[in-house]
């Protein structure tokens, strides 16, 4: 019974968040920004995309290395 209540609470919270965020999609229907058009016209949008991708790759590499360190510390703690 407890597991069913847990699952139903998760489903309810998912739908509450979904319904709260749904109106935000309607507000996002603004025309494109002039700065993005300028970057696209100058060909600099590719530089912006490259920088964003580099930052995300750096974050992912950092998270994987952090996860490996945590696993190593957990193993060492369990051995002792």
Foldseek 3Di string as FASTA:
>chain_A
DVVVVVVVVVVVVVVVVVVVCVVVVVVPPDDDDPVVVVCVVVVNVVVVVVVVVVVVVVVVVVVVVVVVVVVVVVVVVVVD
